[in-house]
Amino acid sequence: MAVTFGLSLSVSWICCLLIGGITCFTLQGNAYGHPASTGTEPTGAHAQASVVSVPNAKATGYNSSANVTSSRIATLEATGPSTSAEATGPSASAEATGPSASAEATGPSASAEATGPSASAEATGPSASAEATGPSASAEATGPSASAEATGPSASAEATGPSASAEATGPSASAEATGPSASAEATGPSASAEATGPSASAEATGPSASAEATGPSASAEATGPSASAEATGPSASAEATGPSASAEATGPSASAEATGPSASAEATGPSASAEATVLEQTARPLNKLDREIIILFAQLLNRLSPVTVPPFEEKGKGN
């Protein structure tokens, strides 16, 4: 009896060890049983991390790429020149760092971030967020409450969906927001901001800045030299401040206001109102012709005054 019990206990212990080993190996492998697991971090040229149904992946090196699919709270990071990161799932996060880096995240509350020259970030899903930093950077977010931000020369940010917001900062920056309550803001030389949708708002600040808003309750504001603001739709309002500023509003209750030298304001539609204020030059230096005319007039007065206006005493003696 004791021998039988001991033998059974030994067999059970061996089975537990086998099951435990298989389970650990499965958790550390991907869908194909290969060790691209949670915390995977391939390093070197052409490094690649491919992860299915696990939380994290990381790839570092030249032309590295990382991919996460069907993961909850998936986190993905790729570092190196020509890197690429893609994450899919709720609260998925993708980050790519390096020249020509690209990051893409798909799912609710997804987040994509790309840093480096020619970087690109794209996020799709409700409350999605995309951020791109670096020269020629581009950020795109699609979905309700989506947000896109781009920073750097030639940066571009685009947000599509209800309550969408787009912000671009840097030379030649451009920001575009489409959807209800959309908002677009661009800051920097040659900046341009465009917002389309109900309650849309567009703001551009910097030299050659331009702001355009289209939709009900739309508002466009441009500040800086050569600034231009255009708003189209009911209750539209356009305001431009700066040299050569121009403001144009079209639609019911439209209002346009331009302030600065060479300012121009145009409003078209019922209850439209246009106001332009130009700081006129109040004084200028005398040119050569002005000085000659003044000198001739003074000489003429000096010659004629003794004849036409004799002294009072001599006039009294004559009487």
Protein backbone atom coordinates (compact mmCIF):
# COMPACT_ATOMS: atom_id res chain seq x y z
CA MET A 1 0.00 0.00 0.00
CA ALA A 2 2.79 2.43 0.92
CA VAL A 3 4.69 1.50 -2.22
CA THR A 4 1.59 2.13 -4.40
CA PHE A 5 0.98 5.49 -2.74
CA GLY A 6 4.62 6.54 -3.23
CA LEU A 7 4.54 5.54 -6.90
CA SER A 8 1.34 7.53 -7.48
CA LEU A 9 2.85 10.56 -5.79
CA SER A 10 5.95 10.36 -8.00
CA VAL A 11 3.88 10.11 -11.18
CA SER A 12 1.74 13.10 -10.12
CA TRP A 13 4.85 15.15 -9.38
CA ILE A 14 6.35 14.40 -12.83
CA CYS A 15 3.05 15.35 -14.52
CA CYS A 16 2.98 18.67 -12.66
CA LEU A 17 6.51 19.45 -13.81
CA LEU A 18 5.63 18.63 -17.43
CA ILE A 19 2.46 20.77 -17.38
CA GLY A 20 4.28 23.66 -15.73
CA GLY A 21 7.07 23.59 -18.30
CA ILE A 22 4.66 23.52 -21.24
CA THR A 23 2.65 26.39 -19.77
CA CYS A 24 5.71 28.59 -19.21
CA PHE A 25 7.00 27.89 -22.74
CA THR A 26 3.58 28.80 -24.22
CA LEU A 27 3.38 32.07 -22.28
CA GLN A 28 6.87 33.04 -23.39
CA GLY A 29 6.21 32.34 -27.06
CA ASN A 30 4.02 33.98 -29.70
CA ALA A 31 1.11 32.38 -31.57
CA TYR A 32 3.58 30.14 -33.41
CA GLY A 33 5.49 29.02 -30.30
CA HIS A 34 8.53 31.20 -31.05
CA PRO A 35 10.01 33.34 -28.25
CA ALA A 36 8.68 36.80 -29.34
CA SER A 37 6.99 37.40 -26.01
CA THR A 38 6.02 40.03 -23.47
CA GLY A 39 8.98 42.32 -23.14
CA THR A 40 10.51 41.06 -26.40
CA GLU A 41 13.36 43.35 -27.43
CA PRO A 42 15.17 42.29 -30.63
CA THR A 43 18.27 44.44 -31.20
CA GLY A 44 20.38 45.02 -34.31
CA ALA A 45 20.02 45.55 -38.04
CA HIS A 46 16.55 44.67 -39.41
CA ALA A 47 15.33 43.85 -35.88
CA GLN A 48 11.66 42.82 -35.75
CA ALA A 49 9.19 42.04 -32.99
CA SER A 50 5.89 40.38 -33.93
CA VAL A 51 3.49 39.88 -31.05
CA VAL A 52 0.00 38.37 -31.02
CA SER A 53 -2.33 38.69 -28.01
CA VAL A 54 0.33 39.84 -25.53
CA PRO A 55 0.80 43.23 -23.90
CA ASN A 56 4.23 44.57 -24.94
CA ALA A 57 6.81 44.49 -27.73
CA LYS A 58 10.01 46.42 -28.42
CA ALA A 59 12.35 46.48 -31.41
CA THR A 60 15.63 48.41 -31.57
CA GLY A 61 18.01 48.81 -34.53
CA TYR A 62 18.19 49.76 -38.20
CA ASN A 63 14.99 49.21 -40.20
CA SER A 64 13.42 47.71 -37.06
CA SER A 65 9.68 47.06 -36.95
CA ALA A 66 7.30 45.98 -34.21
CA ASN A 67 3.73 44.77 -34.51
CA VAL A 68 1.04 44.12 -31.92
CA THR A 69 -2.34 42.65 -32.92
CA SER A 70 -5.53 41.98 -30.94
CA SER A 71 -4.05 43.00 -27.62
CA ARG A 72 -5.66 44.77 -24.69
CA ILE A 73 -3.61 47.77 -23.57
CA ALA A 74 -0.95 46.81 -26.13
CA THR A 75 2.27 48.80 -25.89
CA LEU A 76 4.74 48.92 -28.76
CA GLU A 77 8.02 50.77 -29.21
CA ALA A 78 10.45 50.80 -32.14
CA THR A 79 13.76 52.69 -32.14
CA GLY A 80 16.24 53.29 -34.98
CA PRO A 81 16.43 54.68 -38.52
CA SER A 82 13.47 53.79 -40.75
CA THR A 83 11.64 52.27 -37.76
CA SER A 84 7.96 51.30 -37.87
CA ALA A 85 5.54 50.58 -35.03
CA GLU A 86 1.95 49.36 -35.32
CA ALA A 87 -0.46 48.52 -32.46
CA THR A 88 -4.08 47.33 -32.67
CA GLY A 89 -6.55 47.00 -29.79
CA PRO A 90 -8.27 49.02 -27.05
CA SER A 91 -5.92 51.56 -25.43
CA ALA A 92 -3.18 50.42 -27.83
CA SER A 93 -0.02 52.52 -27.91
CA ALA A 94 2.60 52.76 -30.69
CA GLU A 95 5.84 54.74 -30.51
CA ALA A 96 8.55 55.09 -33.16
CA THR A 97 11.79 57.04 -32.72
CA GLY A 98 14.38 57.76 -35.40
CA PRO A 99 14.73 59.22 -38.93
CA SER A 100 11.79 58.35 -41.19
CA ALA A 101 10.04 56.77 -38.16
CA SER A 102 6.35 55.79 -38.43
CA ALA A 103 3.83 54.88 -35.70
CA GLU A 104 0.27 53.60 -36.14
CA ALA A 105 -2.29 52.72 -33.45
CA THR A 106 -5.84 51.45 -34.02
CA GLY A 107 -8.57 51.04 -31.39
CA PRO A 108 -10.47 53.03 -28.75
CA SER A 109 -8.22 55.45 -26.82
CA ALA A 110 -5.33 54.43 -29.10
CA SER A 111 -2.16 56.52 -29.00
CA ALA A 112 0.55 56.93 -31.67
CA GLU A 113 3.77 58.91 -31.30
CA ALA A 114 6.56 59.40 -33.84
CA THR A 115 9.79 61.33 -33.21
CA GLY A 116 12.47 62.14 -35.76
CA PRO A 117 12.93 63.66 -39.23
CA SER A 118 10.10 62.79 -41.63
CA ALA A 119 8.27 61.14 -38.70
CA SER A 120 4.60 60.17 -39.12
CA ALA A 121 2.00 59.18 -36.50
CA GLU A 122 -1.53 57.89 -37.15
CA ALA A 123 -4.19 56.95 -34.58
CA THR A 124 -7.67 55.62 -35.38
CA GLY A 125 -10.53 55.09 -32.92
CA PRO A 126 -12.61 56.98 -30.35
CA SER A 127 -10.52 59.36 -28.22
CA ALA A 128 -7.49 58.49 -30.37
CA SER A 129 -4.36 60.62 -30.05
CA ALA A 130 -1.52 61.14 -32.56
CA GLU A 131 1.67 63.14 -31.99
CA ALA A 132 4.56 63.73 -34.41
CA THR A 133 7.75 65.67 -33.61
CA GLY A 134 10.55 66.52 -36.02
CA PRO A 135 11.15 68.06 -39.46
CA SER A 136 8.42 67.21 -41.99
CA ALA A 137 6.49 65.53 -39.15
CA SER A 138 2.85 64.55 -39.74
CA ALA A 139 0.17 63.48 -37.25
CA GLU A 140 -3.31 62.18 -38.07
CA ALA A 141 -6.10 61.16 -35.67
CA THR A 142 -9.50 59.81 -36.70
CA GLY A 143 -12.48 59.14 -34.41
CA PRO A 144 -14.72 60.90 -31.86
CA SER A 145 -12.76 63.23 -29.55
CA ALA A 146 -9.65 62.55 -31.64
CA SER A 147 -6.59 64.77 -31.15
CA ALA A 148 -3.59 65.35 -33.46
CA GLU A 149 -0.45 67.37 -32.72
CA ALA A 150 2.55 68.04 -34.97
CA THR A 151 5.68 69.99 -34.01
CA GLY A 152 8.58 70.92 -36.29
CA PRO A 153 9.34 72.48 -39.69
CA SER A 154 6.74 71.65 -42.36
CA ALA A 155 4.69 69.94 -39.62
CA SER A 156 1.09 68.94 -40.39
CA ALA A 157 -1.70 67.81 -38.03
CA GLU A 158 -5.13 66.49 -39.03
CA ALA A 159 -8.00 65.43 -36.75
CA THR A 160 -11.34 64.01 -37.95
CA GLY A 161 -14.39 63.28 -35.81
CA PRO A 162 -16.74 64.93 -33.28
CA SER A 163 -14.90 67.24 -30.86
CA ALA A 164 -11.74 66.71 -32.93
CA SER A 165 -8.73 68.97 -32.28
CA ALA A 166 -5.61 69.59 -34.42
CA GLU A 167 -2.53 71.62 -33.49
CA ALA A 168 0.56 72.34 -35.60
CA THR A 169 3.62 74.33 -34.46
CA GLY A 170 6.61 75.30 -36.59
CA PRO A 171 7.53 76.87 -39.93
CA SER A 172 5.07 76.04 -42.73
CA ALA A 173 2.89 74.32 -40.11
CA SER A 174 -0.66 73.31 -41.09
CA ALA A 175 -3.54 72.11 -38.88
CA GLU A 176 -6.90 70.77 -40.08
CA ALA A 177 -9.87 69.66 -37.95
CA THR A 178 -13.10 68.19 -39.33
CA GLY A 179 -16.23 67.35 -37.34
CA PRO A 180 -18.65 68.90 -34.82
CA SER A 181 -16.92 71.17 -32.29
CA ALA A 182 -13.72 70.79 -34.32
CA SER A 183 -10.79 73.11 -33.54
CA ALA A 184 -7.60 73.75 -35.52
CA GLU A 185 -4.61 75.84 -34.40
CA ALA A 186 -1.42 76.61 -36.33
CA THR A 187 1.53 78.63 -35.00
CA GLY A 188 4.61 79.65 -36.97
CA PRO A 189 5.69 81.26 -40.25
CA SER A 190 3.38 80.45 -43.18
CA ALA A 191 1.07 78.70 -40.68
CA SER A 192 -2.42 77.67 -41.84
CA ALA A 193 -5.39 76.42 -39.79
CA GLU A 194 -8.67 75.06 -41.19
CA ALA A 195 -11.72 73.87 -39.23
CA THR A 196 -14.87 72.38 -40.78
CA GLY A 197 -18.06 71.47 -38.94
CA PRO A 198 -20.58 72.88 -36.44
CA SER A 199 -19.00 75.14 -33.79
CA ALA A 200 -15.72 74.88 -35.72
CA SER A 201 -12.89 77.25 -34.80
CA ALA A 202 -9.61 77.95 -36.63
CA GLU A 203 -6.72 80.07 -35.34
CA ALA A 204 -3.44 80.88 -37.10
CA THR A 205 -0.60 82.92 -35.60
CA GLY A 206 2.56 84.01 -37.39
CA PRO A 207 3.79 85.65 -40.60
CA SER A 208 1.64 84.85 -43.67
CA ALA A 209 -0.78 83.06 -41.31
CA SER A 210 -4.20 82.03 -42.67
CA ALA A 211 -7.26 80.71 -40.78
CA GLU A 212 -10.45 79.35 -42.37
CA ALA A 213 -13.56 78.05 -40.57
CA THR A 214 -16.63 76.58 -42.31
CA GLY A 215 -19.89 75.59 -40.62
CA PRO A 216 -22.50 76.88 -38.16
CA SER A 217 -21.06 79.10 -35.40
CA ALA A 218 -17.72 78.97 -37.22
CA SER A 219 -14.98 81.38 -36.14
CA ALA A 220 -11.62 82.16 -37.78
CA GLU A 221 -8.84 84.32 -36.32
CA ALA A 222 -5.47 85.16 -37.88
CA THR A 223 -2.75 87.26 -36.24
CA GLY A 224 0.49 88.39 -37.87
CA PRO A 225 1.85 90.04 -41.02
CA SER A 226 -0.13 89.23 -44.19
CA ALA A 227 -2.66 87.43 -41.96
CA SER A 228 -6.00 86.39 -43.51
CA ALA A 229 -9.13 85.02 -41.80
CA GLU A 230 -12.23 83.65 -43.56
CA ALA A 231 -15.39 82.26 -41.93
CA THR A 232 -18.37 80.84 -43.85
CA GLY A 233 -21.70 79.76 -42.32
CA PRO A 234 -24.40 80.93 -39.90
CA SER A 235 -23.11 83.10 -37.04
CA ALA A 236 -19.70 83.07 -38.73
CA SER A 237 -17.05 85.50 -37.49
CA ALA A 238 -13.63 86.35 -38.96
CA GLU A 239 -10.96 88.53 -37.35
CA ALA A 240 -7.53 89.41 -38.75
CA THR A 241 -4.94 91.55 -36.96
CA GLY A 242 -1.64 92.72 -38.46
CA PRO A 243 -0.12 94.38 -41.54
CA SER A 244 -1.95 93.59 -44.80
CA ALA A 245 -4.57 91.77 -42.70
CA SER A 246 -7.82 90.72 -44.40
CA ALA A 247 -11.01 89.32 -42.84
CA GLU A 248 -14.00 87.93 -44.77
CA ALA A 249 -17.22 86.50 -43.29
CA THR A 250 -20.11 85.09 -45.36
CA GLY A 251 -23.47 83.93 -43.98
CA PRO A 252 -26.29 85.02 -41.63
CA SER A 253 -25.13 87.11 -38.66
CA ALA A 254 -21.66 87.17 -40.23
CA SER A 255 -19.10 89.60 -38.84
CA ALA A 256 -15.64 90.54 -40.17
CA GLU A 257 -13.07 92.72 -38.43
CA ALA A 258 -9.59 93.63 -39.68
CA THR A 259 -7.11 95.82 -37.78
CA GLY A 260 -3.76 97.04 -39.10
CA PRO A 261 -2.15 98.79 -42.09
CA SER A 262 -3.80 97.93 -45.44
CA ALA A 263 -6.49 96.07 -43.46
CA SER A 264 -9.59 94.95 -45.37
CA ALA A 265 -12.87 93.60 -43.98
CA GLU A 266 -15.75 92.15 -46.01
CA ALA A 267 -19.01 90.70 -44.69
CA THR A 268 -21.78 89.24 -46.88
CA GLY A 269 -25.19 88.04 -45.71
CA PRO A 270 -28.12 89.05 -43.45
CA SER A 271 -27.09 91.07 -40.39
CA ALA A 272 -23.56 91.17 -41.79
CA SER A 273 -21.12 93.62 -40.25
CA ALA A 274 -17.67 94.66 -41.48
CA GLU A 275 -15.16 96.85 -39.66
CA ALA A 276 -11.69 97.83 -40.83
CA THR A 277 -9.21 100.03 -38.96
CA VAL A 278 -6.13 101.35 -40.73
CA LEU A 279 -3.44 103.24 -38.86
CA GLU A 280 -2.96 106.17 -41.23
CA GLN A 281 0.33 108.03 -41.40
CA THR A 282 -0.16 111.44 -39.71
CA ALA A 283 3.22 112.96 -40.55
CA ARG A 284 5.80 112.51 -43.26
CA PRO A 285 9.13 114.15 -44.13
CA LEU A 286 9.04 117.11 -46.54
CA ASN A 287 10.24 116.32 -50.01
CA LYS A 288 12.15 118.69 -52.31
CA LEU A 289 9.03 120.09 -53.99
CA ASP A 290 7.38 120.85 -50.65
CA ARG A 291 10.43 122.78 -49.48
CA GLU A 292 10.62 124.83 -52.71
CA ILE A 293 6.94 125.77 -52.50
CA ILE A 294 7.29 126.90 -48.90
CA ILE A 295 10.39 128.98 -49.71
CA LEU A 296 8.68 130.67 -52.70
CA PHE A 297 5.59 131.44 -50.67
CA ALA A 298 7.67 132.96 -47.86
CA GLN A 299 9.62 135.11 -50.35
CA LEU A 300 6.38 136.31 -51.92
CA LEU A 301 4.98 137.32 -48.56
CA ASN A 302 8.16 139.21 -47.74
CA ARG A 303 7.99 141.16 -51.01
CA LEU A 304 4.31 142.01 -50.84
CA SER A 305 3.99 142.83 -47.16
CA PRO A 306 5.61 146.37 -47.29
CA VAL A 307 3.29 147.43 -50.14
CA THR A 308 0.01 145.89 -49.17
CA VAL A 309 0.42 146.29 -45.44
CA PRO A 310 2.13 149.63 -44.75
CA PRO A 311 3.06 150.63 -41.22
CA PHE A 312 0.25 152.01 -39.11
CA GLU A 313 2.13 155.28 -38.38
CA GLU A 314 2.61 156.17 -42.04
CA LYS A 315 -1.05 155.55 -42.74
CA GLY A 316 -2.03 157.98 -39.96
CA LYS A 317 0.29 160.81 -41.23
CA GLY A 318 -1.22 160.62 -44.69
CA ASN A 319 -4.65 161.44 -43.26
